[in-house]
N, C-alpha and C. Protein backbone atom coordinates (compact mmCIF):
# COMPACT_ATOMS: atom_id res chain seq x y z
N MET A 1 -6.33 -8.37 8.37
CA MET A 1 -4.98 -7.65 8.83
C MET A 1 -5.15 -6.26 8.09
N LYS A 2 -4.71 -5.31 8.88
CA LYS A 2 -4.44 -4.01 8.49
C LYS A 2 -3.15 -3.74 8.10
N TYR A 3 -2.83 -2.77 7.24
CA TYR A 3 -1.46 -2.40 6.61
C TYR A 3 -1.14 -0.96 6.91
N PRO A 4 -0.73 -0.64 8.07
CA PRO A 4 -0.40 0.85 8.40
C PRO A 4 0.65 1.36 7.52
N ASN A 5 1.60 0.39 7.16
CA ASN A 5 2.71 1.11 6.33
C ASN A 5 2.24 1.41 4.89
N ILE A 6 1.20 0.76 4.42
CA ILE A 6 0.67 1.14 3.08
C ILE A 6 -0.01 2.41 3.26
N GLU A 7 -0.82 2.68 4.33
CA GLU A 7 -1.46 3.84 4.53
C GLU A 7 -0.51 5.02 4.63
N ALA A 8 0.72 4.63 5.44
CA ALA A 8 1.76 5.76 5.69
C ALA A 8 2.34 6.10 4.37
N GLU A 9 2.68 5.25 3.54
CA GLU A 9 3.15 5.66 2.23
C GLU A 9 2.22 6.34 1.20
N ARG A 10 0.91 6.07 1.44
CA ARG A 10 -0.16 6.62 0.65
C ARG A 10 -0.21 8.12 1.10
N ALA A 11 -0.15 8.40 2.46
CA ALA A 11 -0.22 9.68 2.90
C ALA A 11 1.23 10.54 2.61
N ARG A 12 2.15 9.79 2.65
CA ARG A 12 3.52 10.42 2.47
C ARG A 12 3.49 10.94 0.84
N TYR A 13 2.85 10.21 -0.03
CA TYR A 13 2.76 10.60 -1.40
C TYR A 13 1.50 11.46 -1.69
N ASN A 14 0.77 11.85 -0.62
CA ASN A 14 -0.32 12.74 -0.83
C ASN A 14 -1.32 12.21 -1.64
N LEU A 15 -1.62 10.85 -1.65
CA LEU A 15 -2.65 10.29 -2.51
C LEU A 15 -3.75 9.96 -1.58
N THR A 16 -4.98 10.14 -2.29
CA THR A 16 -6.26 9.69 -1.56
C THR A 16 -6.29 8.28 -1.78
N GLN A 17 -7.26 7.55 -1.04
CA GLN A 17 -7.43 6.16 -1.16
C GLN A 17 -8.02 5.88 -2.71
N ALA A 18 -8.70 6.79 -3.12
CA ALA A 18 -9.41 6.73 -4.56
C ALA A 18 -8.17 6.87 -5.56
N GLU A 19 -7.34 7.76 -5.36
CA GLU A 19 -6.07 7.93 -6.23
C GLU A 19 -5.30 6.78 -6.23
N LEU A 20 -4.89 6.27 -5.14
CA LEU A 20 -4.11 5.03 -5.04
C LEU A 20 -4.72 3.87 -5.79
N ALA A 21 -6.10 3.71 -5.48
CA ALA A 21 -6.91 2.52 -6.00
C ALA A 21 -6.71 2.83 -7.53
N GLU A 22 -6.94 4.01 -8.01
CA GLU A 22 -6.92 4.19 -9.56
C GLU A 22 -5.53 3.93 -10.01
N SER A 23 -4.55 4.21 -9.39
CA SER A 23 -3.14 3.99 -9.96
C SER A 23 -2.97 2.41 -9.94
N LEU A 24 -3.62 1.67 -9.14
CA LEU A 24 -3.45 0.16 -9.08
C LEU A 24 -4.49 -0.46 -10.04
N SER A 25 -5.44 0.36 -10.66
CA SER A 25 -6.40 -0.25 -11.55
C SER A 25 -7.44 -1.12 -10.74
N VAL A 26 -7.87 -0.63 -9.54
CA VAL A 26 -8.80 -1.29 -8.75
C VAL A 26 -9.82 -0.25 -8.25
N SER A 27 -10.89 -0.67 -7.84
CA SER A 27 -11.93 0.38 -7.35
C SER A 27 -11.52 0.65 -5.82
N ARG A 28 -12.15 1.78 -5.47
CA ARG A 28 -11.74 2.29 -4.09
C ARG A 28 -12.37 1.26 -3.09
N ALA A 29 -13.42 0.63 -3.34
CA ALA A 29 -14.02 -0.42 -2.57
C ALA A 29 -13.03 -1.56 -2.30
N THR A 30 -12.40 -2.06 -3.38
CA THR A 30 -11.43 -3.00 -3.28
C THR A 30 -10.29 -2.64 -2.42
N TYR A 31 -9.73 -1.47 -2.57
CA TYR A 31 -8.64 -1.07 -1.74
C TYR A 31 -9.20 -0.95 -0.24
N THR A 32 -10.29 -0.41 -0.13
CA THR A 32 -10.77 -0.33 1.31
C THR A 32 -10.92 -1.81 1.96
N ASN A 33 -11.32 -2.76 1.03
CA ASN A 33 -11.47 -4.08 1.56
C ASN A 33 -10.01 -4.62 1.96
N TRP A 34 -9.05 -4.31 1.22
CA TRP A 34 -7.77 -4.71 1.63
C TRP A 34 -7.31 -4.20 2.86
N GLN A 35 -7.51 -2.84 3.00
CA GLN A 35 -6.99 -2.13 4.22
C GLN A 35 -7.79 -2.58 5.48
N SER A 36 -9.00 -3.06 5.32
CA SER A 36 -9.82 -3.47 6.56
C SER A 36 -9.64 -4.96 6.83
N GLY A 37 -9.02 -5.58 5.94
CA GLY A 37 -8.67 -7.08 6.10
C GLY A 37 -9.84 -7.90 5.63
N ARG A 38 -10.77 -7.29 4.93
CA ARG A 38 -11.84 -8.21 4.46
C ARG A 38 -11.46 -9.13 3.27
N SER A 39 -10.40 -8.50 2.56
CA SER A 39 -9.88 -9.44 1.43
C SER A 39 -8.41 -9.30 1.44
N GLU A 40 -7.65 -10.29 0.80
CA GLU A 40 -6.20 -10.25 0.94
C GLU A 40 -5.82 -9.42 -0.44
N ILE A 41 -4.61 -8.78 -0.22
CA ILE A 41 -4.00 -8.03 -1.33
C ILE A 41 -3.28 -9.10 -2.24
N PRO A 42 -3.56 -9.07 -3.56
CA PRO A 42 -2.93 -10.03 -4.44
C PRO A 42 -1.51 -9.61 -4.53
N GLY A 43 -0.56 -10.54 -4.62
CA GLY A 43 0.71 -10.41 -4.83
C GLY A 43 1.07 -9.31 -5.90
N SER A 44 0.41 -9.46 -6.96
CA SER A 44 0.82 -8.60 -8.11
C SER A 44 0.53 -7.10 -7.59
N GLN A 45 -0.30 -6.76 -6.74
CA GLN A 45 -0.71 -5.43 -6.27
C GLN A 45 0.30 -4.98 -5.38
N ILE A 46 0.81 -5.86 -4.55
CA ILE A 46 1.72 -5.62 -3.60
C ILE A 46 3.09 -5.27 -4.35
N ILE A 47 3.47 -5.98 -5.34
CA ILE A 47 4.58 -5.66 -6.14
C ILE A 47 4.35 -4.21 -6.87
N ALA A 48 3.07 -3.94 -7.32
CA ALA A 48 2.91 -2.72 -7.86
C ALA A 48 3.15 -1.56 -6.87
N MET A 49 2.68 -1.82 -5.67
CA MET A 49 2.88 -0.85 -4.58
C MET A 49 4.42 -0.51 -4.35
N THR A 50 5.17 -1.70 -4.25
CA THR A 50 6.63 -1.53 -4.05
C THR A 50 7.12 -0.62 -5.02
N LYS A 51 6.83 -0.85 -6.20
CA LYS A 51 7.38 -0.09 -7.36
C LYS A 51 6.89 1.49 -7.18
N LEU A 52 5.66 1.66 -6.94
CA LEU A 52 5.12 2.99 -6.89
C LEU A 52 5.92 3.80 -5.67
N PHE A 53 5.99 3.13 -4.53
CA PHE A 53 6.43 3.72 -3.44
C PHE A 53 7.98 3.69 -3.17
N GLY A 54 8.60 2.74 -3.88
CA GLY A 54 10.05 2.67 -3.78
C GLY A 54 10.46 1.94 -2.48
N VAL A 55 9.63 1.04 -1.98
CA VAL A 55 9.96 0.35 -0.69
C VAL A 55 9.67 -1.16 -0.78
N SER A 56 10.28 -1.90 0.09
CA SER A 56 10.12 -3.40 0.06
C SER A 56 8.71 -3.89 0.38
N SER A 57 8.48 -4.98 -0.15
CA SER A 57 7.17 -5.70 0.10
C SER A 57 7.08 -5.99 1.67
N ASP A 58 8.18 -6.54 2.22
CA ASP A 58 8.30 -6.74 3.73
C ASP A 58 7.86 -5.56 4.58
N TYR A 59 8.30 -4.33 4.08
CA TYR A 59 8.07 -3.21 4.83
C TYR A 59 6.45 -2.84 4.58
N LEU A 60 6.02 -3.02 3.43
CA LEU A 60 4.50 -2.62 3.17
C LEU A 60 3.71 -3.53 4.01
N LEU A 61 3.98 -4.78 4.26
CA LEU A 61 3.21 -5.75 4.96
C LEU A 61 3.47 -5.73 6.32
N GLY A 62 4.32 -4.90 6.86
CA GLY A 62 4.70 -4.70 8.32
C GLY A 62 5.54 -5.82 8.90
N LEU A 63 6.32 -6.28 7.99
CA LEU A 63 7.23 -7.51 8.46
C LEU A 63 8.66 -7.03 8.88
N THR A 64 8.99 -5.88 8.39
CA THR A 64 10.30 -5.29 8.80
C THR A 64 10.09 -3.88 9.41
N ASN A 65 11.20 -3.39 10.00
CA ASN A 65 11.21 -1.97 10.40
C ASN A 65 10.83 -0.96 9.25
N PRO A 66 10.43 0.20 9.57
CA PRO A 66 10.25 1.21 8.67
C PRO A 66 11.50 1.51 7.72
N GLU A 67 11.27 1.70 6.42
CA GLU A 67 12.30 2.06 5.46
C GLU A 67 12.86 3.27 5.84
N PRO A 68 14.13 3.30 5.65
CA PRO A 68 14.87 4.60 5.82
C PRO A 68 14.28 5.71 4.68
N LYS A 69 14.17 6.76 5.03
CA LYS A 69 13.76 7.89 4.09
C LYS A 69 15.02 8.53 3.60
N PRO A 70 15.10 8.93 2.44
CA PRO A 70 16.29 9.69 1.87
C PRO A 70 16.38 11.03 2.59
N ALA A 71 17.52 11.40 2.82
CA ALA A 71 17.78 12.70 3.40
C ALA A 71 17.55 13.91 2.50
C-alpha cells in the first residue's frame, strides 16, 4: 500500500526521504520500503509522524479526507 498523504506532508515540510527517515531513526531504504508497500509501517513510526506533522494517523494512512491546513 502506498501512502500519498505521508509523501504530501513530507513535501509540505520540505523534507527529503533521507531527512524524514533520519528524523524517524530508520534508513532511507526502510522508508522507501514503507512507501512502496514492501513492508508495513510500524505503529510507533506512524505515531512519530503524526507528532512530526501535526496530523492524525487516519489522515496519514489515507482513511480520512485531507487535514485542514491552518490559514
